[in-house]
C-alpha atoms as a PDB file:
ATOM      1  CA  MET A   1     104.156  97.153 124.357  1.00  0.00           C
ATOM      2  CA  LYS A   2     101.723  99.649 122.934  1.00  0.00           C
ATOM      3  CA  LEU A   3      98.488  98.072 124.182  1.00  0.00           C
ATOM      4  CA  GLN A   4      97.352  99.172 127.635  1.00  0.00           C
ATOM      5  CA  LYS A   5      95.201  97.660 130.348  1.00  0.00           C
ATOM      6  CA  ASN A   6      91.595  96.941 129.350  1.00  0.00           C
ATOM      7  CA  ASP A   7      92.160  97.987 125.745  1.00  0.00           C
ATOM      8  CA  ARG A   8      89.684  96.636 123.222  1.00  0.00           C
ATOM      9  CA  LEU A   9      91.300  95.455 120.010  1.00  0.00           C
ATOM     10  CA  LEU A  10      89.117  94.936 116.934  1.00  0.00           C
ATOM     11  CA  PHE A  11      90.159  93.053 113.793  1.00  0.00           C
ATOM     12  CA  ILE A  12      88.355  93.483 110.487  1.00  0.00           C
ATOM     13  CA  GLY A  13      89.083  91.982 107.078  1.00  0.00           C
ATOM     14  CA  ASP A  14      88.236  89.105 104.759  1.00  0.00           C
ATOM     15  CA  SER A  15      88.367  85.304 105.122  1.00  0.00           C
ATOM     16  CA  ILE A  16      91.920  85.382 106.458  1.00  0.00           C
ATOM     17  CA  THR A  17      90.641  87.371 109.419  1.00  0.00           C
ATOM     18  CA  ASP A  18      87.256  85.645 109.622  1.00  0.00           C
ATOM     19  CA  CYS A  19      88.756  82.150 109.597  1.00  0.00           C
ATOM     20  CA  GLY A  20      85.581  80.443 110.800  1.00  0.00           C
ATOM     21  CA  ARG A  21      84.732  82.915 113.549  1.00  0.00           C
ATOM     22  CA  THR A  22      80.997  82.400 113.085  1.00  0.00           C
ATOM     23  CA  HIS A  23      81.437  78.657 113.573  1.00  0.00           C
ATOM     24  CA  PRO A  24      83.493  78.436 116.773  1.00  0.00           C
ATOM     25  CA  VAL A  25      84.934  75.037 117.528  1.00  0.00           C
ATOM     26  CA  GLY A  26      84.859  74.093 121.185  1.00  0.00           C
ATOM     27  CA  GLU A  27      84.339  76.220 124.236  1.00  0.00           C
ATOM     28  CA  GLY A  28      86.263  79.426 124.799  1.00  0.00           C
ATOM     29  CA  SER A  29      86.758  80.318 121.146  1.00  0.00           C
ATOM     30  CA  SER A  30      84.748  83.541 121.669  1.00  0.00           C
ATOM     31  CA  GLY A  31      84.009  83.897 117.965  1.00  0.00           C
ATOM     32  CA  LEU A  32      87.630  84.636 117.098  1.00  0.00           C
ATOM     33  CA  GLY A  33      87.988  81.866 114.521  1.00  0.00           C
ATOM     34  CA  HIS A  34      91.035  79.628 114.294  1.00  0.00           C
ATOM     35  CA  GLY A  35      93.481  81.915 112.477  1.00  0.00           C
ATOM     36  CA  TYR A  36      95.858  84.727 113.320  1.00  0.00           C
ATOM     37  CA  VAL A  37      93.297  86.656 115.393  1.00  0.00           C
ATOM     38  CA  ALA A  38      92.809  83.729 117.770  1.00  0.00           C
ATOM     39  CA  GLN A  39      96.569  83.180 117.890  1.00  0.00           C
ATOM     40  CA  VAL A  40      97.224  86.838 118.730  1.00  0.00           C
ATOM     41  CA  TYR A  41      94.621  86.749 121.495  1.00  0.00           C
ATOM     42  CA  ALA A  42      96.063  83.590 123.039  1.00  0.00           C
ATOM     43  CA  ILE A  43      99.625  84.889 122.938  1.00  0.00           C
ATOM     44  CA  LEU A  44      98.697  88.285 124.373  1.00  0.00           C
ATOM     45  CA  ARG A  45      96.650  86.756 127.159  1.00  0.00           C
ATOM     46  CA  SER A  46      99.358  84.248 128.074  1.00  0.00           C
ATOM     47  CA  ILE A  47     102.223  86.761 128.181  1.00  0.00           C
ATOM     48  CA  TYR A  48     100.354  89.875 129.381  1.00  0.00           C
ATOM     49  CA  PRO A  49      97.582  88.444 131.605  1.00  0.00           C
ATOM     50  CA  GLU A  50      97.500  91.570 133.778  1.00  0.00           C
ATOM     51  CA  LEU A  51      96.375  93.768 130.875  1.00  0.00           C
ATOM     52  CA  MET A  52      92.981  92.039 130.579  1.00  0.00           C
ATOM     53  CA  LEU A  53      92.890  92.804 126.860  1.00  0.00           C
ATOM     54  CA  ARG A  54      89.674  92.248 124.941  1.00  0.00           C
ATOM     55  CA  VAL A  55      89.848  91.078 121.338  1.00  0.00           C
ATOM     56  CA  GLN A  56      86.999  90.988 118.822  1.00  0.00           C
ATOM     57  CA  ASN A  57      86.903  89.647 115.271  1.00  0.00           C
ATOM     58  CA  VAL A  58      84.464  91.066 112.706  1.00  0.00           C
ATOM     59  CA  GLY A  59      86.159  89.729 109.583  1.00  0.00           C
ATOM     60  CA  ASN A  60      83.874  88.422 106.835  1.00  0.00           C
ATOM     61  CA  SER A  61      84.864  85.876 104.229  1.00  0.00           C
ATOM     62  CA  GLY A  62      84.856  87.209 100.675  1.00  0.00           C
ATOM     63  CA  ASN A  63      84.844  90.874 101.650  1.00  0.00           C
ATOM     64  CA  THR A  64      86.477  93.625  99.635  1.00  0.00           C
ATOM     65  CA  VAL A  65      87.095  97.166 100.850  1.00  0.00           C
ATOM     66  CA  ARG A  66      83.773  98.062  99.210  1.00  0.00           C
ATOM     67  CA  ASP A  67      82.039  95.531 101.456  1.00  0.00           C
ATOM     68  CA  LEU A  68      83.782  96.937 104.518  1.00  0.00           C
ATOM     69  CA  LYS A  69      82.378 100.351 103.690  1.00  0.00           C
ATOM     70  CA  GLN A  70      78.825  98.982 103.554  1.00  0.00           C
ATOM     71  CA  HIS A  71      78.918  97.643 107.127  1.00  0.00           C
ATOM     72  CA  TRP A  72      81.553  99.968 108.601  1.00  0.00           C
ATOM     73  CA  GLN A  73      79.129 101.730 110.917  1.00  0.00           C
ATOM     74  CA  GLN A  74      77.893  98.592 112.674  1.00  0.00           C
ATOM     75  CA  ASP A  75      81.119  96.616 112.496  1.00  0.00           C
ATOM     76  CA  VAL A  76      83.539  99.342 113.561  1.00  0.00           C
ATOM     77  CA  LEU A  77      82.146 102.735 114.544  1.00  0.00           C
ATOM     78  CA  ASP A  78      79.337 101.386 116.732  1.00  0.00           C
ATOM     79  CA  LEU A  79      81.769  99.076 118.549  1.00  0.00           C
ATOM     80  CA  ASN A  80      84.066 101.977 119.479  1.00  0.00           C
ATOM     81  CA  PRO A  81      87.322 100.002 119.806  1.00  0.00           C
ATOM     82  CA  ASP A  82      90.499 101.376 121.366  1.00  0.00           C
ATOM     83  CA  TRP A  83      92.652  99.733 118.697  1.00  0.00           C
ATOM     84  CA  LEU A  84      91.648  98.707 115.186  1.00  0.00           C
ATOM     85  CA  THR A  85      93.459  96.379 112.797  1.00  0.00           C
ATOM     86  CA  ILE A  86      92.493  96.297 109.114  1.00  0.00           C
ATOM     87  CA  MET A  87      93.704  93.722 106.604  1.00  0.00           C
ATOM     88  CA  ILE A  88      91.767  93.951 103.354  1.00  0.00           C
ATOM     89  CA  GLY A  89      92.526  93.770  99.640  1.00  0.00           C
ATOM     90  CA  ILE A  90      93.071  90.128  98.770  1.00  0.00           C
ATOM     91  CA  ASN A  91      89.628  89.742  97.221  1.00  0.00           C
ATOM     92  CA  ASP A  92      89.865  93.168  95.588  1.00  0.00           C
ATOM     93  CA  VAL A  93      92.835  91.817  93.632  1.00  0.00           C
ATOM     94  CA  TRP A  94      91.842  88.147  93.368  1.00  0.00           C
ATOM     95  CA  ARG A  95      88.514  88.870  91.668  1.00  0.00           C
ATOM     96  CA  GLN A  96      90.394  90.623  88.885  1.00  0.00           C
ATOM     97  CA  PHE A  97      92.077  87.301  88.099  1.00  0.00           C
ATOM     98  CA  ASP A  98      89.512  84.595  88.829  1.00  0.00           C
ATOM     99  CA  HIS A  99      86.489  86.642  87.632  1.00  0.00           C
ATOM    100  CA  PRO A 100      88.062  89.102  85.182  1.00  0.00           C
ATOM    101  CA  LEU A 101      84.808  89.840  83.327  1.00  0.00           C
ATOM    102  CA  ALA A 102      82.726  90.617  86.411  1.00  0.00           C
ATOM    103  CA  ASP A 103      81.272  94.107  86.762  1.00  0.00           C
ATOM    104  CA  SER A 104      82.074  94.319  90.479  1.00  0.00           C
ATOM    105  CA  GLN A 105      85.839  94.815  90.270  1.00  0.00           C
ATOM    106  CA  VAL A 106      87.503  97.005  92.894  1.00  0.00           C
ATOM    107  CA  PHE A 107      90.379  98.671  91.094  1.00  0.00           C
ATOM    108  CA  LEU A 108      93.245 100.497  92.745  1.00  0.00           C
ATOM    109  CA  GLU A 109      91.801 104.013  92.779  1.00  0.00           C
ATOM    110  CA  GLU A 110      88.578 102.908  94.471  1.00  0.00           C
ATOM    111  CA  TYR A 111      90.514 100.662  96.842  1.00  0.00           C
ATOM    112  CA  GLU A 112      92.844 103.378  98.080  1.00  0.00           C
ATOM    113  CA  THR A 113      90.164 106.077  98.194  1.00  0.00           C
ATOM    114  CA  THR A 114      87.783 103.870 100.158  1.00  0.00           C
ATOM    115  CA  LEU A 115      90.447 102.665 102.577  1.00  0.00           C
ATOM    116  CA  ARG A 116      91.475 106.264 103.219  1.00  0.00           C
ATOM    117  CA  GLU A 117      87.846 107.266 103.779  1.00  0.00           C
ATOM    118  CA  LEU A 118      87.268 104.461 106.285  1.00  0.00           C
ATOM    119  CA  VAL A 119      90.462 105.189 108.162  1.00  0.00           C
ATOM    120  CA  ALA A 120      89.686 108.913 108.325  1.00  0.00           C
ATOM    121  CA  SER A 121      86.260 108.203 109.818  1.00  0.00           C
ATOM    122  CA  VAL A 122      87.625 106.222 112.749  1.00  0.00           C
ATOM    123  CA  ARG A 123      91.192 107.383 113.380  1.00  0.00           C
ATOM    124  CA  PRO A 124      90.394 110.343 115.697  1.00  0.00           C
ATOM    125  CA  ASN A 125      88.630 108.023 118.142  1.00  0.00           C
ATOM    126  CA  LEU A 126      91.342 105.360 118.285  1.00  0.00           C
ATOM    127  CA  LYS A 127      94.306 104.951 120.576  1.00  0.00           C
ATOM    128  CA  GLY A 128      96.014 103.059 117.795  1.00  0.00           C
ATOM    129  CA  LEU A 129      95.522 101.745 114.273  1.00  0.00           C
ATOM    130  CA  VAL A 130      97.276  98.863 112.511  1.00  0.00           C
ATOM    131  CA  LEU A 131      97.095  98.513 108.728  1.00  0.00           C
ATOM    132  CA  MET A 132      98.198  95.177 107.301  1.00  0.00           C
ATOM    133  CA  THR A 133      98.787  94.713 103.596  1.00  0.00           C
ATOM    134  CA  PRO A 134      97.050  92.113 101.474  1.00  0.00           C
ATOM    135  CA  TYR A 135      99.392  89.374 100.254  1.00  0.00           C
ATOM    136  CA  TYR A 136      99.721  86.570  97.748  1.00  0.00           C
ATOM    137  CA  LEU A 137     101.682  83.490  98.739  1.00  0.00           C
ATOM    138  CA  GLU A 138     103.924  83.518  95.679  1.00  0.00           C
ATOM    139  CA  ALA A 139     107.688  83.931  95.809  1.00  0.00           C
ATOM    140  CA  ASN A 140     108.031  85.362  92.298  1.00  0.00           C
ATOM    141  CA  PRO A 141     107.341  89.132  92.434  1.00  0.00           C
ATOM    142  CA  GLU A 142     106.778  89.159  88.671  1.00  0.00           C
ATOM    143  CA  ASP A 143     103.796  86.816  88.906  1.00  0.00           C
ATOM    144  CA  PRO A 144     100.860  88.964  87.702  1.00  0.00           C
ATOM    145  CA  MET A 145      98.673  88.509  90.759  1.00  0.00           C
ATOM    146  CA  ARG A 146     101.593  88.900  93.151  1.00  0.00           C
ATOM    147  CA  ALA A 147     102.696  92.076  91.336  1.00  0.00           C
ATOM    148  CA  THR A 148      99.184  93.526  91.530  1.00  0.00           C
ATOM    149  CA  MET A 149      98.923  92.617  95.211  1.00  0.00           C
ATOM    150  CA  ASP A 150     102.179  94.480  95.862  1.00  0.00           C
ATOM    151  CA  ILE A 151     100.706  97.585  94.219  1.00  0.00           C
ATOM    152  CA  TYR A 152      97.701  97.405  96.542  1.00  0.00           C
ATOM    153  CA  GLY A 153     100.093  96.891  99.438  1.00  0.00           C
ATOM    154  CA  ASP A 154     101.836 100.138  98.489  1.00  0.00           C
ATOM    155  CA  ALA A 155      98.457 101.878  98.746  1.00  0.00           C
ATOM    156  CA  VAL A 156      98.094 100.577 102.302  1.00  0.00           C
ATOM    157  CA  ARG A 157     101.557 101.919 103.088  1.00  0.00           C
ATOM    158  CA  ARG A 158     100.559 105.378 101.860  1.00  0.00           C
ATOM    159  CA  VAL A 159      97.380 105.451 103.938  1.00  0.00           C
ATOM    160  CA  ALA A 160      99.239 104.201 107.012  1.00  0.00           C
ATOM    161  CA  SER A 161     101.772 107.004 106.656  1.00  0.00           C
ATOM    162  CA  GLU A 162      99.070 109.649 106.280  1.00  0.00           C
ATOM    163  CA  TYR A 163      97.134 108.564 109.366  1.00  0.00           C
ATOM    164  CA  ASP A 164      99.905 107.660 111.794  1.00  0.00           C
ATOM    165  CA  ALA A 165      99.091 103.960 111.683  1.00  0.00           C
ATOM    166  CA  LEU A 166     101.362 101.040 112.415  1.00  0.00           C
ATOM    167  CA  PHE A 167     102.157  99.375 109.091  1.00  0.00           C
ATOM    168  CA  VAL A 168     102.543  95.610 108.658  1.00  0.00           C
ATOM    169  CA  ASP A 169     103.990  94.379 105.366  1.00  0.00           C
ATOM    170  CA  THR A 170     102.600  90.850 105.349  1.00  0.00           C
ATOM    171  CA  GLN A 171     104.166  90.020 101.988  1.00  0.00           C
ATOM    172  CA  ALA A 172     107.596  90.785 103.422  1.00  0.00           C
ATOM    173  CA  ALA A 173     106.784  88.724 106.509  1.00  0.00           C
ATOM    174  CA  PHE A 174     106.302  85.615 104.365  1.00  0.00           C
ATOM    175  CA  ALA A 175     109.414  86.182 102.243  1.00  0.00           C
ATOM    176  CA  PRO A 176     111.943  84.311 104.461  1.00  0.00           C
ATOM    177  CA  LEU A 177     109.903  81.123 104.233  1.00  0.00           C
ATOM    178  CA  TRP A 178     110.389  80.786 100.483  1.00  0.00           C
ATOM    179  CA  ASP A 179     114.058  79.964 101.023  1.00  0.00           C
ATOM    180  CA  HIS A 180     112.920  76.755 102.694  1.00  0.00           C
ATOM    181  CA  PHE A 181     109.392  75.896 101.538  1.00  0.00           C
ATOM    182  CA  TYR A 182     107.518  75.771  98.273  1.00  0.00           C
ATOM    183  CA  THR A 183     104.365  77.843  98.635  1.00  0.00           C
ATOM    184  CA  SER A 184     102.027  74.828  98.434  1.00  0.00           C
ATOM    185  CA  VAL A 185     103.414  73.613 101.760  1.00  0.00           C
ATOM    186  CA  LEU A 186     101.630  76.497 103.500  1.00  0.00           C
ATOM    187  CA  THR A 187      98.568  76.988 101.317  1.00  0.00           C
ATOM    188  CA  HIS A 188      96.327  75.184  98.842  1.00  0.00           C
ATOM    189  CA  ASP A 189      95.430  78.290  96.853  1.00  0.00           C
ATOM    190  CA  ARG A 190      98.216  80.809  97.612  1.00  0.00           C
ATOM    191  CA  VAL A 191      95.753  82.864  99.647  1.00  0.00           C
ATOM    192  CA  HIS A 192      94.484  80.863 102.618  1.00  0.00           C
ATOM    193  CA  PRO A 193      97.431  79.804 104.813  1.00  0.00           C
ATOM    194  CA  ASP A 194      97.749  76.914 107.219  1.00  0.00           C
ATOM    195  CA  ALA A 195      98.462  77.385 110.936  1.00  0.00           C
ATOM    196  CA  THR A 196     102.108  78.175 110.220  1.00  0.00           C
ATOM    197  CA  GLY A 197     101.125  80.879 107.762  1.00  0.00           C
ATOM    198  CA  HIS A 198      98.709  82.370 110.272  1.00  0.00           C
ATOM    199  CA  MET A 199     101.506  82.381 112.838  1.00  0.00           C
ATOM    200  CA  VAL A 200     103.618  84.408 110.404  1.00  0.00           C
ATOM    201  CA  LEU A 201     100.801  86.970 110.321  1.00  0.00           C
ATOM    202  CA  SER A 202     100.479  86.849 114.107  1.00  0.00           C
ATOM    203  CA  LYS A 203     104.173  87.469 114.628  1.00  0.00           C
ATOM    204  CA  ALA A 204     104.214  90.346 112.148  1.00  0.00           C
ATOM    205  CA  PHE A 205     101.309  91.981 113.966  1.00  0.00           C
ATOM    206  CA  LEU A 206     102.782  91.413 117.419  1.00  0.00           C
ATOM    207  CA  ASP A 207     106.147  92.813 116.342  1.00  0.00           C
ATOM    208  CA  ALA A 208     104.378  95.961 115.117  1.00  0.00           C
ATOM    209  CA  ILE A 209     102.715  96.605 118.485  1.00  0.00           C
ATOM    210  CA  GLY A 210     105.947  96.157 120.406  1.00  0.00           C
ATOM    211  CA  PHE A 211     105.247  92.717 121.854  1.00  0.00           C
ATOM    212  CA  GLU A 212     108.104  91.537 124.093  1.00  0.00           C
ATOM    213  CA  TRP A 213     108.761  87.935 123.124  1.00  0.00           C
ATOM    214  CA  THR A 214     111.059  87.226 126.083  1.00  0.00           C
ATOM    215  CA  ARG A 215     108.780  88.737 128.708  1.00  0.00           C
ATOM    216  CA  ASN A 216     108.138  86.464 131.706  1.00  0.00           C
ATOM    217  CA  THR A 217     110.449  83.783 130.284  1.00  0.00           C
ATOM    218  CA  LYS A 218     113.323  84.361 132.694  1.00  0.00           C
ATOM    219  CA  SER A 219     113.353  82.434 135.951  1.00  0.00           C
END
């Protein structure tokens, strides 16, 4: 497992990462929300209690990569994490479809350039970096929004390769489910998943960091 004792792991992204973090439900939620970030934290703490890992969520609903750039200093650089996970791009693509005439579109060139700029600013100070692709919960790769999302995912792959980051293809992680479920079973809008969908994201992330699923399970 790539994380080490006392590592601080920071997640940043859009509503999928945010997932209600500013409105914690119940005690002990620690502002992690109720999505994949909270799931990852719970699983890590239950299987690797001795590592005393610290997890923080600074995702913001509705954010694009342009928004990340605007608050990058306070949300990332000032927090000085050991590990950083970025999953951004859904809104960059989505706004091109649900608000096609808006002047605030984030097209591919700006998306990739900005993501590369943000990664370059923080990578030298990190023990590790995880880049997760945006996704669209649609089985048909020829669907226009799904096809565009895949193009943005390819940009994430390029940046990950350039900066020695762990790469998580979230679209590929969801693919096996479509042999058994129609997409509406997991999501009401093909973007925001239910708990099962968040667990798919959690597992994809944990696999990338070398999580040992059978650790401490043998008597």
